[in-house]
Each structure stands twice: as structure tokens, then as C-alpha cells.
C-alpha atoms as a PDB file:
ATOM      1  CA  MET A   1     -28.350-126.843 -49.808  1.00  0.00           C
ATOM      2  CA  GLU A   2     -26.455-123.756 -50.921  1.00  0.00           C
ATOM      3  CA  LYS A   3     -23.091-123.862 -52.659  1.00  0.00           C
ATOM      4  CA  ARG A   4     -21.322-122.332 -49.670  1.00  0.00           C
ATOM      5  CA  ASP A   5     -22.783-125.043 -47.430  1.00  0.00           C
ATOM      6  CA  GLN A   6     -21.420-127.680 -49.784  1.00  0.00           C
ATOM      7  CA  LEU A   7     -18.004-125.995 -49.763  1.00  0.00           C
ATOM      8  CA  ILE A   8     -17.985-125.859 -45.956  1.00  0.00           C
ATOM      9  CA  ILE A   9     -18.781-129.580 -45.844  1.00  0.00           C
ATOM     10  CA  LYS A  10     -16.113-130.296 -48.477  1.00  0.00           C
ATOM     11  CA  TYR A  11     -13.437-128.552 -46.418  1.00  0.00           C
ATOM     12  CA  LEU A  12     -14.543-130.283 -43.223  1.00  0.00           C
ATOM     13  CA  VAL A  13     -14.215-133.633 -44.984  1.00  0.00           C
ATOM     14  CA  GLU A  14     -10.711-132.656 -46.105  1.00  0.00           C
ATOM     15  CA  GLY A  15      -9.790-132.098 -42.454  1.00  0.00           C
ATOM     16  CA  PHE A  16      -9.852-128.322 -42.152  1.00  0.00           C
ATOM     17  CA  LYS A  17     -10.920-126.742 -38.871  1.00  0.00           C
ATOM     18  CA  VAL A  18     -13.758-124.227 -38.734  1.00  0.00           C
ATOM     19  CA  ASN A  19     -11.381-121.270 -38.445  1.00  0.00           C
ATOM     20  CA  GLU A  20      -9.338-122.520 -41.439  1.00  0.00           C
ATOM     21  CA  ILE A  21     -12.414-122.954 -43.634  1.00  0.00           C
ATOM     22  CA  ARG A  22     -13.005-119.202 -43.663  1.00  0.00           C
ATOM     23  CA  GLY A  23      -9.557-118.646 -45.170  1.00  0.00           C
ATOM     24  CA  GLN A  24     -10.027-121.376 -47.771  1.00  0.00           C
ATOM     25  CA  LEU A  25     -13.370-119.948 -48.899  1.00  0.00           C
ATOM     26  CA  ASN A  26     -11.873-116.496 -49.226  1.00  0.00           C
ATOM     27  CA  LEU A  27      -8.687-117.666 -50.949  1.00  0.00           C
ATOM     28  CA  HIS A  28     -10.076-120.197 -53.443  1.00  0.00           C
ATOM     29  CA  HIS A  29     -13.683-119.138 -54.003  1.00  0.00           C
ATOM     30  CA  SER A  30     -13.751-115.381 -53.207  1.00  0.00           C
ATOM     31  CA  ILE A  31     -16.467-115.987 -50.612  1.00  0.00           C
ATOM     32  CA  VAL A  32     -16.009-113.643 -47.672  1.00  0.00           C
ATOM     33  CA  MET A  33     -17.405-115.167 -44.489  1.00  0.00           C
ATOM     34  CA  SER A  34     -16.604-114.659 -40.839  1.00  0.00           C
ATOM     35  CA  GLU A  35     -15.805-117.597 -38.588  1.00  0.00           C
ATOM     36  CA  SER A  36     -19.088-117.060 -36.739  1.00  0.00           C
ATOM     37  CA  LEU A  37     -21.035-117.239 -40.009  1.00  0.00           C
ATOM     38  CA  VAL A  38     -19.354-120.561 -40.851  1.00  0.00           C
ATOM     39  CA  GLU A  39     -20.407-121.821 -37.409  1.00  0.00           C
ATOM     40  CA  LYS A  40     -23.976-120.567 -37.976  1.00  0.00           C
ATOM     41  CA  ARG A  41     -24.179-122.369 -41.323  1.00  0.00           C
ATOM     42  CA  LEU A  42     -22.951-125.566 -39.640  1.00  0.00           C
ATOM     43  CA  GLY A  43     -25.530-125.037 -36.893  1.00  0.00           C
ATOM     44  CA  ASN A  44     -28.269-124.722 -39.496  1.00  0.00           C
ATOM     45  CA  LEU A  45     -27.107-127.919 -41.194  1.00  0.00           C
ATOM     46  CA  ARG A  46     -27.073-129.730 -37.847  1.00  0.00           C
ATOM     47  CA  LYS A  47     -30.644-128.577 -37.186  1.00  0.00           C
ATOM     48  CA  LEU A  48     -31.709-129.625 -40.666  1.00  0.00           C
ATOM     49  CA  TYR A  49     -30.315-133.140 -40.199  1.00  0.00           C
ATOM     50  CA  LYS A  50     -31.177-133.269 -36.458  1.00  0.00           C
ATOM     51  CA  ALA A  51     -27.553-133.878 -35.485  1.00  0.00           C
ATOM     52  CA  LYS A  52     -26.163-132.733 -32.153  1.00  0.00           C
ATOM     53  CA  THR A  53     -22.490-133.003 -33.121  1.00  0.00           C
ATOM     54  CA  LEU A  54     -20.406-132.641 -36.252  1.00  0.00           C
ATOM     55  CA  PHE A  55     -19.746-136.381 -36.117  1.00  0.00           C
ATOM     56  CA  GLN A  56     -23.480-137.124 -36.231  1.00  0.00           C
ATOM     57  CA  LEU A  57     -23.847-134.594 -39.057  1.00  0.00           C
ATOM     58  CA  ALA A  58     -21.151-136.426 -41.009  1.00  0.00           C
ATOM     59  CA  ILE A  59     -22.994-139.734 -40.563  1.00  0.00           C
ATOM     60  CA  HIS A  60     -26.263-138.207 -41.788  1.00  0.00           C
ATOM     61  CA  LEU A  61     -24.544-136.583 -44.780  1.00  0.00           C
ATOM     62  CA  LYS A  62     -22.851-139.869 -45.655  1.00  0.00           C
ATOM     63  CA  ASP A  63     -26.206-141.688 -45.449  1.00  0.00           C
ATOM     64  CA  GLU A  64     -27.727-139.036 -47.740  1.00  0.00           C
ATOM     65  CA  LYS A  65     -24.721-139.484 -50.078  1.00  0.00           C
ATOM     66  CA  VAL A  66     -23.840-135.795 -49.822  1.00  0.00           C
ATOM     67  CA  ILE A  67     -20.249-136.705 -48.938  1.00  0.00           C
END
């Protein structure tokens, strides 16, 4: 898992919405990403963990001890 994927997950856990994550990445980590790219990365993570929703993704990531 790439660092930006881990940061996206970190901000989701903290309660940020997808459109707010883009601003946080740009502000705190100098990572420029569009909102659609954040959604694509989340889509890739959901495919990787075979999760249909973000809630299911969170359960899989918790089981894997990623979060």
C-alpha cells in the first residue's frame, strides 16, 4: 500500500469526507490530488479488499490491523 493510500485512510478514520481529504493532503503533505483521484484510490482499495462499501473496507482494514 502506497503512502498516499495510508494517508487517505488516516484522514477517513479521523472523520474527514472525501472532498476534505484532498485539501488535507495538499495542505499538510504537499500531495496534489484531485477529488476524483482520491475516489479512484479508494475504489482500488475496495477492490483489493473485496469491499463494496467504505464501511466494509474499514472492517477489512481493522482486521488486517492497518487502522
